[in-house]
Amino acid sequence: MSDIAKPSNPNDDWKIWMVVNPSTWLMPILFAVLLIVLTVHTVVLQLGWFTWG
């Protein structure tokens, strides 16, 4: 078990960009986050507990 290489953060943080190419995935990820944020805000505001009325 001890022969598994553990990541040395933050020295190895750059390696995620070898898998997730920002030129391909940055905008789809941001659009997905925007969609999630808008959905959560819509649902919470429709509950009526957090409105000003």
PDB file of N, CA and C in Angstrom:
ATOM      1  N   MET A   1       0.810  -1.204   0.000  1.00  0.00           N
ATOM      2  CA  MET A   1       0.000   0.000   0.000  1.00  0.00           C
ATOM      3  C   MET A   1       0.849   1.262   0.000  1.00  0.00           C
ATOM      4  N   SER A   2       2.031   1.199   0.580  1.00  0.00           N
ATOM      5  CA  SER A   2       2.840   2.401   0.708  1.00  0.00           C
ATOM      6  C   SER A   2       3.574   2.764  -0.584  1.00  0.00           C
ATOM      7  N   ASP A   3       3.490   1.918  -1.631  1.00  0.00           N
ATOM      8  CA  ASP A   3       4.191   2.223  -2.870  1.00  0.00           C
ATOM      9  C   ASP A   3       3.351   3.054  -3.835  1.00  0.00           C
ATOM     10  N   ILE A   4       2.150   3.481  -3.415  1.00  0.00           N
ATOM     11  CA  ILE A   4       1.305   4.341  -4.248  1.00  0.00           C
ATOM     12  C   ILE A   4       1.791   5.776  -4.102  1.00  0.00           C
ATOM     13  N   ALA A   5       2.034   6.425  -5.233  1.00  0.00           N
ATOM     14  CA  ALA A   5       2.533   7.796  -5.206  1.00  0.00           C
ATOM     15  C   ALA A   5       1.401   8.747  -4.843  1.00  0.00           C
ATOM     16  N   LYS A   6       1.598   9.493  -3.800  1.00  0.00           N
ATOM     17  CA  LYS A   6       0.603  10.481  -3.395  1.00  0.00           C
ATOM     18  C   LYS A   6       0.942  11.819  -4.041  1.00  0.00           C
ATOM     19  N   PRO A   7      -0.080  12.581  -4.450  1.00  0.00           N
ATOM     20  CA  PRO A   7       0.194  13.877  -5.079  1.00  0.00           C
ATOM     21  C   PRO A   7       0.800  14.860  -4.085  1.00  0.00           C
ATOM     22  N   SER A   8       1.678  15.676  -4.584  1.00  0.00           N
ATOM     23  CA  SER A   8       2.296  16.715  -3.767  1.00  0.00           C
ATOM     24  C   SER A   8       1.651  18.047  -4.122  1.00  0.00           C
ATOM     25  N   ASN A   9       0.574  18.346  -3.439  1.00  0.00           N
ATOM     26  CA  ASN A   9      -0.143  19.597  -3.723  1.00  0.00           C
ATOM     27  C   ASN A   9       0.516  20.736  -2.993  1.00  0.00           C
ATOM     28  N   PRO A  10       0.595  21.930  -3.531  1.00  0.00           N
ATOM     29  CA  PRO A  10       0.080  22.371  -4.831  1.00  0.00           C
ATOM     30  C   PRO A  10       1.047  22.166  -5.994  1.00  0.00           C
ATOM     31  N   ASN A  11       2.132  21.463  -5.774  1.00  0.00           N
ATOM     32  CA  ASN A  11       3.107  21.275  -6.853  1.00  0.00           C
ATOM     33  C   ASN A  11       2.541  20.485  -8.026  1.00  0.00           C
ATOM     34  N   ASP A  12       1.598  19.588  -7.769  1.00  0.00           N
ATOM     35  CA  ASP A  12       1.034  18.757  -8.828  1.00  0.00           C
ATOM     36  C   ASP A  12      -0.317  19.255  -9.339  1.00  0.00           C
ATOM     37  N   ASP A  13      -0.749  20.426  -8.916  1.00  0.00           N
ATOM     38  CA  ASP A  13      -2.063  20.926  -9.332  1.00  0.00           C
ATOM     39  C   ASP A  13      -2.150  21.193 -10.829  1.00  0.00           C
ATOM     40  N   TRP A  14      -1.042  21.465 -11.475  1.00  0.00           N
ATOM     41  CA  TRP A  14      -1.070  21.756 -12.910  1.00  0.00           C
ATOM     42  C   TRP A  14      -1.469  20.531 -13.722  1.00  0.00           C
ATOM     43  N   LYS A  15      -1.346  19.349 -13.163  1.00  0.00           N
ATOM     44  CA  LYS A  15      -1.607  18.123 -13.922  1.00  0.00           C
ATOM     45  C   LYS A  15      -3.075  17.950 -14.298  1.00  0.00           C
ATOM     46  N   ILE A  16      -3.990  18.587 -13.576  1.00  0.00           N
ATOM     47  CA  ILE A  16      -5.415  18.484 -13.932  1.00  0.00           C
ATOM     48  C   ILE A  16      -5.646  19.066 -15.318  1.00  0.00           C
ATOM     49  N   TRP A  17      -4.861  20.057 -15.717  1.00  0.00           N
ATOM     50  CA  TRP A  17      -5.055  20.681 -17.031  1.00  0.00           C
ATOM     51  C   TRP A  17      -4.519  19.817 -18.152  1.00  0.00           C
ATOM     52  N   MET A  18      -3.803  18.745 -17.822  1.00  0.00           N
ATOM     53  CA  MET A  18      -3.421  17.778 -18.843  1.00  0.00           C
ATOM     54  C   MET A  18      -4.618  16.905 -19.230  1.00  0.00           C
ATOM     55  N   VAL A  19      -5.608  16.824 -18.331  1.00  0.00           N
ATOM     56  CA  VAL A  19      -6.814  16.033 -18.575  1.00  0.00           C
ATOM     57  C   VAL A  19      -7.953  16.927 -19.034  1.00  0.00           C
ATOM     58  N   VAL A  20      -8.160  18.050 -18.344  1.00  0.00           N
ATOM     59  CA  VAL A  20      -9.232  18.982 -18.664  1.00  0.00           C
ATOM     60  C   VAL A  20      -8.617  20.138 -19.441  1.00  0.00           C
ATOM     61  N   ASN A  21      -8.777  20.115 -20.754  1.00  0.00           N
ATOM     62  CA  ASN A  21      -8.217  21.158 -21.603  1.00  0.00           C
ATOM     63  C   ASN A  21      -9.106  22.393 -21.543  1.00  0.00           C
ATOM     64  N   PRO A  22      -8.614  23.528 -21.025  1.00  0.00           N
ATOM     65  CA  PRO A  22      -9.452  24.719 -20.889  1.00  0.00           C
ATOM     66  C   PRO A  22      -9.975  25.246 -22.224  1.00  0.00           C
ATOM     67  N   SER A  23      -9.219  25.090 -23.292  1.00  0.00           N
ATOM     68  CA  SER A  23      -9.689  25.612 -24.577  1.00  0.00           C
ATOM     69  C   SER A  23     -10.908  24.846 -25.076  1.00  0.00           C
ATOM     70  N   THR A  24     -11.110  23.638 -24.577  1.00  0.00           N
ATOM     71  CA  THR A  24     -12.269  22.835 -24.966  1.00  0.00           C
ATOM     72  C   THR A  24     -13.382  22.916 -23.935  1.00  0.00           C
ATOM     73  N   TRP A  25     -13.054  22.856 -22.655  1.00  0.00           N
ATOM     74  CA  TRP A  25     -14.049  22.634 -21.620  1.00  0.00           C
ATOM     75  C   TRP A  25     -14.385  23.830 -20.763  1.00  0.00           C
ATOM     76  N   LEU A  26     -13.656  24.950 -20.861  1.00  0.00           N
ATOM     77  CA  LEU A  26     -13.908  26.069 -19.948  1.00  0.00           C
ATOM     78  C   LEU A  26     -15.301  26.657 -20.145  1.00  0.00           C
ATOM     79  N   MET A  27     -15.680  26.979 -21.373  1.00  0.00           N
ATOM     80  CA  MET A  27     -16.989  27.580 -21.603  1.00  0.00           C
ATOM     81  C   MET A  27     -18.135  26.617 -21.304  1.00  0.00           C
ATOM     82  N   PRO A  28     -18.097  25.344 -21.706  1.00  0.00           N
ATOM     83  CA  PRO A  28     -19.186  24.443 -21.301  1.00  0.00           C
ATOM     84  C   PRO A  28     -19.322  24.299 -19.778  1.00  0.00           C
ATOM     85  N   ILE A  29     -18.192  24.298 -19.063  1.00  0.00           N
ATOM     86  CA  ILE A  29     -18.258  24.209 -17.607  1.00  0.00           C
ATOM     87  C   ILE A  29     -18.897  25.464 -17.030  1.00  0.00           C
ATOM     88  N   LEU A  30     -18.509  26.637 -17.547  1.00  0.00           N
ATOM     89  CA  LEU A  30     -19.091  27.887 -17.047  1.00  0.00           C
ATOM     90  C   LEU A  30     -20.579  27.980 -17.359  1.00  0.00           C
ATOM     91  N   PHE A  31     -20.992  27.528 -18.544  1.00  0.00           N
ATOM     92  CA  PHE A  31     -22.416  27.529 -18.885  1.00  0.00           C
ATOM     93  C   PHE A  31     -23.195  26.570 -17.987  1.00  0.00           C
ATOM     94  N   ALA A  32     -22.621  25.422 -17.673  1.00  0.00           N
ATOM     95  CA  ALA A  32     -23.280  24.479 -16.775  1.00  0.00           C
ATOM     96  C   ALA A  32     -23.426  25.065 -15.372  1.00  0.00           C
ATOM     97  N   VAL A  33     -22.390  25.753 -14.896  1.00  0.00           N
ATOM     98  CA  VAL A  33     -22.465  26.403 -13.583  1.00  0.00           C
ATOM     99  C   VAL A  33     -23.523  27.488 -13.592  1.00  0.00           C
ATOM    100  N   LEU A  34     -23.592  28.271 -14.662  1.00  0.00           N
ATOM    101  CA  LEU A  34     -24.618  29.311 -14.776  1.00  0.00           C
ATOM    102  C   LEU A  34     -26.017  28.703 -14.763  1.00  0.00           C
ATOM    103  N   LEU A  35     -26.214  27.608 -15.471  1.00  0.00           N
ATOM    104  CA  LEU A  35     -27.507  26.940 -15.502  1.00  0.00           C
ATOM    105  C   LEU A  35     -27.895  26.419 -14.119  1.00  0.00           C
ATOM    106  N   ILE A  36     -26.944  25.860 -13.399  1.00  0.00           N
ATOM    107  CA  ILE A  36     -27.214  25.372 -12.044  1.00  0.00           C
ATOM    108  C   ILE A  36     -27.573  26.528 -11.113  1.00  0.00           C
ATOM    109  N   VAL A  37     -26.827  27.620 -11.209  1.00  0.00           N
ATOM    110  CA  VAL A  37     -27.079  28.777 -10.349  1.00  0.00           C
ATOM    111  C   VAL A  37     -28.467  29.356 -10.622  1.00  0.00           C
ATOM    112  N   LEU A  38     -28.820  29.510 -11.883  1.00  0.00           N
ATOM    113  CA  LEU A  38     -30.133  30.057 -12.223  1.00  0.00           C
ATOM    114  C   LEU A  38     -31.252  29.124 -11.780  1.00  0.00           C
ATOM    115  N   THR A  39     -31.049  27.828 -11.910  1.00  0.00           N
ATOM    116  CA  THR A  39     -32.060  26.863 -11.481  1.00  0.00           C
ATOM    117  C   THR A  39     -32.259  26.910  -9.968  1.00  0.00           C
ATOM    118  N   VAL A  40     -31.169  26.942  -9.219  1.00  0.00           N
ATOM    119  CA  VAL A  40     -31.275  26.997  -7.756  1.00  0.00           C
ATOM    120  C   VAL A  40     -31.956  28.287  -7.320  1.00  0.00           C
ATOM    121  N   HIS A  41     -31.591  29.416  -7.924  1.00  0.00           N
ATOM    122  CA  HIS A  41     -32.222  30.684  -7.551  1.00  0.00           C
ATOM    123  C   HIS A  41     -33.708  30.678  -7.883  1.00  0.00           C
ATOM    124  N   THR A  42     -34.069  30.126  -9.021  1.00  0.00           N
ATOM    125  CA  THR A  42     -35.482  30.073  -9.405  1.00  0.00           C
ATOM    126  C   THR A  42     -36.282  29.223  -8.424  1.00  0.00           C
ATOM    127  N   VAL A  43     -35.751  28.068  -8.072  1.00  0.00           N
ATOM    128  CA  VAL A  43     -36.459  27.179  -7.147  1.00  0.00           C
ATOM    129  C   VAL A  43     -36.579  27.818  -5.764  1.00  0.00           C
ATOM    130  N   VAL A  44     -35.520  28.417  -5.272  1.00  0.00           N
ATOM    131  CA  VAL A  44     -35.554  29.020  -3.938  1.00  0.00           C
ATOM    132  C   VAL A  44     -36.518  30.199  -3.909  1.00  0.00           C
ATOM    133  N   LEU A  45     -36.529  31.013  -4.935  1.00  0.00           N
ATOM    134  CA  LEU A  45     -37.428  32.164  -4.945  1.00  0.00           C
ATOM    135  C   LEU A  45     -38.887  31.746  -5.126  1.00  0.00           C
ATOM    136  N   GLN A  46     -39.138  30.608  -5.714  1.00  0.00           N
ATOM    137  CA  GLN A  46     -40.514  30.129  -5.849  1.00  0.00           C
ATOM    138  C   GLN A  46     -41.049  29.518  -4.559  1.00  0.00           C
ATOM    139  N   LEU A  47     -40.199  29.206  -3.613  1.00  0.00           N
ATOM    140  CA  LEU A  47     -40.655  28.651  -2.352  1.00  0.00           C
ATOM    141  C   LEU A  47     -41.469  29.665  -1.564  1.00  0.00           C
ATOM    142  N   GLY A  48     -41.148  30.946  -1.687  1.00  0.00           N
ATOM    143  CA  GLY A  48     -41.885  31.966  -0.981  1.00  0.00           C
ATOM    144  C   GLY A  48     -41.318  32.326   0.374  1.00  0.00           C
ATOM    145  N   TRP A  49     -40.379  31.532   0.883  1.00  0.00           N
ATOM    146  CA  TRP A  49     -39.811  31.820   2.198  1.00  0.00           C
ATOM    147  C   TRP A  49     -38.818  32.970   2.135  1.00  0.00           C
ATOM    148  N   PHE A  50     -38.162  33.126   1.004  1.00  0.00           N
ATOM    149  CA  PHE A  50     -37.062  34.080   0.903  1.00  0.00           C
ATOM    150  C   PHE A  50     -37.396  35.271   0.024  1.00  0.00           C
ATOM    151  N   THR A  51     -38.658  35.556  -0.160  1.00  0.00           N
ATOM    152  CA  THR A  51     -39.055  36.701  -0.982  1.00  0.00           C
ATOM    153  C   THR A  51     -39.402  37.880  -0.101  1.00  0.00           C
ATOM    154  N   TRP A  52     -39.597  39.035  -0.698  1.00  0.00           N
ATOM    155  CA  TRP A  52     -39.871  40.243   0.048  1.00  0.00           C
ATOM    156  C   TRP A  52     -41.369  40.512   0.154  1.00  0.00           C
ATOM    157  N   GLY A  53     -42.175  39.615  -0.378  1.00  0.00           N
ATOM    158  CA  GLY A  53     -43.630  39.851  -0.391  1.00  0.00           C
ATOM    159  C   GLY A  53     -44.283  39.110   0.627  1.00  0.00           C
TER     160      GLY A  53
END
